[in-house]
Amino acid sequence: MSFIRILIVDDHKLFRHGLRQICRSEGLSVVGEAASGQEAIEKACQLQPDVVLMDLGMPGLSGVQATQQILAHNPNIRVIALTMFREDNHIVDAVRAGVSGYLLKNCEPTVLVTAIKTVARGDALLDPAMTAKLLKEFRRIDLPFAANDLEAISPAEMDVLRLVAMGADNVDIADNLCLSQRTVGNRLTSIYQKLNVKNRTQAALYALKRGWVALE
């Protein structure tokens, strides 16, 4: 995990400096910084980071638009959306764009570092409080469902999907269902294809809106 390559994107220099210090203190490699959405796209193409810490509220080209273009060029890059407010209306668009996680900017440094390591290994970070808000917002917009989705998902895949929607990572799912992490990963890949979603965040929201699982 010490070889995770990070690109920091924020229009505030002081905040970028703080993120860099946090990452370096944990032995993580910050390969670059960007102060705008357009610069983020250029730096991501040039540096090919593993994880992008993406500010959503930038002037000009937004963090959501930058995320869309970055992932269009390289879908293997993981993006963590950063927002000042829990009510940020960009967060719904960010999830639809394919972010792997989202955090409030006032989160603890340990939470940020955990999030970076979580998304870098292919998992997603689902904050239960923000997931509830996301689900509420998704109810207001049209989210197309795959044809015969319930029939397409096997019982074994549904077990995995329900745990994903509850915020479990691959390690927790493997332990809970007595599976190997590789098997969990294979089932998730199959779920994404069947539901026509990009990642576990979208899969979780899909399952929540479908009523296959409920948040406590």
Protein backbone atom coordinates (compact mmCIF):
# COMPACT_ATOMS: atom_id res chain seq x y z
CA MET A 1 0.00 0.00 0.00
CA SER A 2 2.98 2.36 0.41
CA PHE A 3 3.27 2.45 -3.40
CA ILE A 4 -0.13 4.02 -3.96
CA ARG A 5 0.31 6.96 -6.33
CA ILE A 6 -1.91 9.94 -5.50
CA LEU A 7 -2.97 13.03 -7.45
CA ILE A 8 -4.39 15.86 -5.31
CA VAL A 9 -6.93 18.16 -6.97
CA ASP A 10 -8.15 21.30 -5.17
CA ASP A 11 -8.23 24.99 -6.04
CA HIS A 12 -6.97 25.96 -2.57
CA LYS A 13 -3.20 25.67 -2.24
CA LEU A 14 -3.27 25.45 1.54
CA PHE A 15 -5.70 22.54 1.48
CA ARG A 16 -3.56 20.72 -1.12
CA HIS A 17 -0.57 21.22 1.15
CA GLY A 18 -2.47 19.70 4.07
CA LEU A 19 -3.49 16.66 2.04
CA ARG A 20 0.08 16.19 0.84
CA GLN A 21 1.40 16.28 4.41
CA ILE A 22 -1.16 13.70 5.55
CA CYS A 23 -0.29 11.37 2.69
CA ARG A 24 3.45 11.70 3.16
CA SER A 25 3.17 11.09 6.89
CA GLU A 26 1.62 7.71 6.05
CA GLY A 27 4.25 6.83 3.46
CA LEU A 28 1.91 7.38 0.52
CA SER A 29 3.31 8.81 -2.71
CA VAL A 30 1.87 12.12 -3.95
CA VAL A 31 2.86 12.25 -7.61
CA GLY A 32 1.23 15.57 -8.44
CA GLU A 33 -1.21 18.36 -7.68
CA ALA A 34 -3.77 20.21 -9.76
CA ALA A 35 -5.62 23.45 -9.03
CA SER A 36 -8.44 23.08 -11.59
CA GLY A 37 -10.55 20.46 -13.30
CA GLN A 38 -8.76 20.89 -16.62
CA GLU A 39 -5.35 20.61 -14.99
CA ALA A 40 -6.56 17.48 -13.17
CA ILE A 41 -7.42 15.82 -16.48
CA GLU A 42 -4.02 16.70 -17.95
CA LYS A 43 -2.10 15.56 -14.85
CA ALA A 44 -4.09 12.31 -14.61
CA CYS A 45 -3.31 11.45 -18.24
CA GLN A 46 0.35 12.34 -17.74
CA LEU A 47 0.98 10.78 -14.32
CA GLN A 48 -1.50 7.87 -14.29
CA PRO A 49 -2.09 7.94 -10.52
CA ASP A 50 -3.77 5.11 -8.64
CA VAL A 51 -6.02 7.45 -6.65
CA VAL A 52 -7.24 10.99 -7.29
CA LEU A 53 -8.43 13.12 -4.37
CA MET A 54 -10.96 15.29 -6.20
CA ASP A 55 -12.45 18.52 -4.88
CA LEU A 56 -16.01 18.82 -6.19
CA GLY A 57 -16.53 22.56 -5.71
CA MET A 58 -14.00 24.09 -8.10
CA PRO A 59 -14.74 27.03 -10.40
CA GLY A 60 -14.74 26.42 -14.14
CA LEU A 61 -14.57 22.75 -15.03
CA SER A 62 -16.09 21.02 -12.00
CA GLY A 63 -14.74 18.04 -10.12
CA VAL A 64 -17.61 15.96 -11.51
CA GLN A 65 -16.75 16.87 -15.11
CA ALA A 66 -13.07 16.23 -14.48
CA THR A 67 -13.90 12.84 -12.96
CA GLN A 68 -15.95 11.86 -16.01
CA GLN A 69 -13.14 12.68 -18.38
CA ILE A 70 -10.42 11.09 -16.26
CA LEU A 71 -12.33 7.82 -15.98
CA ALA A 72 -13.20 7.91 -19.68
CA HIS A 73 -9.46 7.89 -20.42
CA ASN A 74 -8.54 5.39 -17.70
CA PRO A 75 -11.34 3.59 -15.82
CA ASN A 76 -8.77 1.93 -13.54
CA ILE A 77 -8.03 5.19 -11.75
CA ARG A 78 -9.89 5.47 -8.44
CA VAL A 79 -11.42 8.82 -7.55
CA ILE A 80 -12.36 9.96 -4.05
CA ALA A 81 -14.71 12.93 -4.14
CA LEU A 82 -14.12 15.55 -1.46
CA THR A 83 -16.87 17.96 -0.43
CA MET A 84 -17.31 20.66 2.18
CA PHE A 85 -20.98 19.98 2.81
CA ARG A 86 -23.02 16.85 3.34
CA GLU A 87 -25.76 18.49 1.23
CA ASP A 88 -23.47 19.13 -1.76
CA ASN A 89 -25.70 18.55 -4.80
CA HIS A 90 -22.68 17.55 -6.87
CA ILE A 91 -22.23 14.30 -4.93
CA VAL A 92 -25.07 12.54 -6.76
CA ASP A 93 -23.53 13.45 -10.10
CA ALA A 94 -20.13 12.36 -8.80
CA VAL A 95 -21.42 8.88 -7.96
CA ARG A 96 -23.01 8.63 -11.39
CA ALA A 97 -19.68 9.68 -12.89
CA GLY A 98 -18.02 6.70 -11.21
CA VAL A 99 -16.26 7.89 -8.06
CA SER A 100 -15.13 5.08 -5.78
CA GLY A 101 -15.64 7.03 -2.57
CA TYR A 102 -16.71 10.34 -1.11
CA LEU A 103 -15.65 12.15 2.03
CA LEU A 104 -16.33 15.37 3.85
CA LYS A 105 -13.32 17.66 3.88
CA ASN A 106 -13.45 17.90 7.66
CA CYS A 107 -12.97 14.16 8.14
CA GLU A 108 -10.18 12.86 10.36
CA PRO A 109 -6.82 12.23 8.64
CA THR A 110 -7.04 8.55 9.61
CA VAL A 111 -10.38 8.32 7.78
CA LEU A 112 -8.82 9.82 4.64
CA VAL A 113 -5.87 7.43 4.71
CA THR A 114 -8.18 4.45 5.22
CA ALA A 115 -10.30 5.64 2.29
CA ILE A 116 -7.27 5.90 0.02
CA LYS A 117 -6.15 2.38 0.87
CA THR A 118 -9.70 1.07 0.55
CA VAL A 119 -10.33 2.38 -2.96
CA ALA A 120 -6.79 1.53 -4.08
CA ARG A 121 -7.44 -2.16 -3.46
CA GLY A 122 -10.64 -2.01 -5.49
CA ASP A 123 -13.21 -1.46 -2.76
CA ALA A 124 -15.40 1.59 -2.28
CA LEU A 125 -16.03 3.84 0.67
CA LEU A 126 -19.69 4.21 1.59
CA ASP A 127 -20.42 6.66 4.37
CA PRO A 128 -23.78 5.41 5.77
CA ALA A 129 -25.07 8.92 6.50
CA MET A 130 -24.24 10.18 3.02
CA THR A 131 -25.50 6.97 1.44
CA ALA A 132 -28.90 7.67 2.96
CA LYS A 133 -28.86 11.14 1.40
CA LEU A 134 -27.75 9.72 -1.94
CA LEU A 135 -30.58 7.24 -1.94
CA LYS A 136 -33.04 10.04 -1.21
CA GLU A 137 -31.68 12.06 -4.12
CA PHE A 138 -31.67 9.06 -6.46
CA ARG A 139 -35.37 8.56 -5.79
CA ARG A 140 -35.98 11.94 -7.43
CA ILE A 141 -34.24 11.12 -10.69
CA ASP A 142 -34.67 8.44 -13.29
CA LEU A 143 -32.34 5.52 -12.63
CA PRO A 144 -32.84 2.96 -15.42
CA PHE A 145 -32.99 -0.62 -14.24
CA ALA A 146 -31.56 -3.53 -16.20
CA ALA A 147 -34.15 -5.83 -17.73
CA ASN A 148 -34.98 -8.86 -15.56
CA ASP A 149 -32.35 -7.72 -13.07
CA LEU A 150 -33.69 -9.71 -10.14
CA GLU A 151 -33.76 -12.91 -12.19
CA ALA A 152 -30.27 -12.20 -13.53
CA ILE A 153 -28.65 -11.91 -10.09
CA SER A 154 -27.97 -15.32 -8.57
CA PRO A 155 -28.68 -15.97 -4.87
CA ALA A 156 -24.93 -16.12 -4.21
CA GLU A 157 -24.42 -12.76 -5.94
CA MET A 158 -27.35 -11.27 -4.04
CA ASP A 159 -25.67 -12.22 -0.75
CA VAL A 160 -22.60 -10.27 -1.86
CA LEU A 161 -24.65 -7.33 -3.14
CA ARG A 162 -26.57 -6.96 0.12
CA LEU A 163 -23.35 -6.80 2.12
CA VAL A 164 -21.92 -4.24 -0.32
CA ALA A 165 -25.01 -2.08 0.17
CA MET A 166 -24.44 -2.26 3.93
CA GLY A 167 -20.92 -0.86 3.48
CA ALA A 168 -18.86 -4.06 3.79
CA ASP A 169 -15.56 -4.26 1.93
CA ASN A 170 -14.26 -7.36 0.14
CA VAL A 171 -12.42 -8.63 3.20
CA ASP A 172 -15.53 -8.39 5.38
CA ILE A 173 -17.69 -10.02 2.69
CA ALA A 174 -15.24 -12.88 2.28
CA ASP A 175 -15.16 -13.49 6.04
CA ASN A 176 -18.93 -13.22 6.39
CA LEU A 177 -19.73 -15.60 3.53
CA CYS A 178 -16.70 -17.89 4.00
CA LEU A 179 -15.39 -17.11 0.51
CA SER A 180 -12.02 -16.18 -0.92
CA GLN A 181 -11.49 -12.53 -1.79
CA ARG A 182 -10.97 -13.57 -5.41
CA THR A 183 -14.41 -15.19 -5.47
CA VAL A 184 -15.93 -12.03 -3.99
CA GLY A 185 -14.21 -9.95 -6.67
CA ASN A 186 -15.46 -12.26 -9.44
CA ARG A 187 -19.02 -12.06 -8.15
CA LEU A 188 -18.84 -8.28 -7.97
CA THR A 189 -17.63 -8.10 -11.57
CA SER A 190 -20.56 -10.25 -12.63
CA ILE A 191 -22.98 -8.05 -10.66
CA TYR A 192 -21.65 -4.87 -12.29
CA GLN A 193 -22.13 -6.36 -15.75
CA LYS A 194 -25.64 -7.61 -15.04
CA LEU A 195 -26.82 -4.34 -13.50
CA ASN A 196 -24.92 -2.15 -15.97
CA VAL A 197 -23.19 -0.17 -13.22
CA LYS A 198 -19.59 1.03 -12.97
CA ASN A 199 -18.61 0.19 -9.40
CA ARG A 200 -19.76 -0.99 -5.97
CA THR A 201 -21.06 2.44 -5.00
CA GLN A 202 -23.49 2.44 -7.91
CA ALA A 203 -24.32 -1.22 -7.30
CA ALA A 204 -25.14 -0.47 -3.66
CA LEU A 205 -27.40 2.44 -4.58
CA TYR A 206 -29.07 0.31 -7.23
CA ALA A 207 -29.84 -2.39 -4.65
CA LEU A 208 -31.10 0.18 -2.15
CA LYS A 209 -33.44 1.82 -4.64
CA ARG A 210 -34.67 -1.57 -5.82
CA GLY A 211 -35.54 -2.40 -2.22
CA TRP A 212 -33.29 -5.45 -2.12
CA VAL A 213 -31.71 -4.10 1.07
CA ALA A 214 -32.63 -1.37 3.52
CA LEU A 215 -30.42 0.94 5.56
CA GLU A 216 -31.01 0.71 9.29
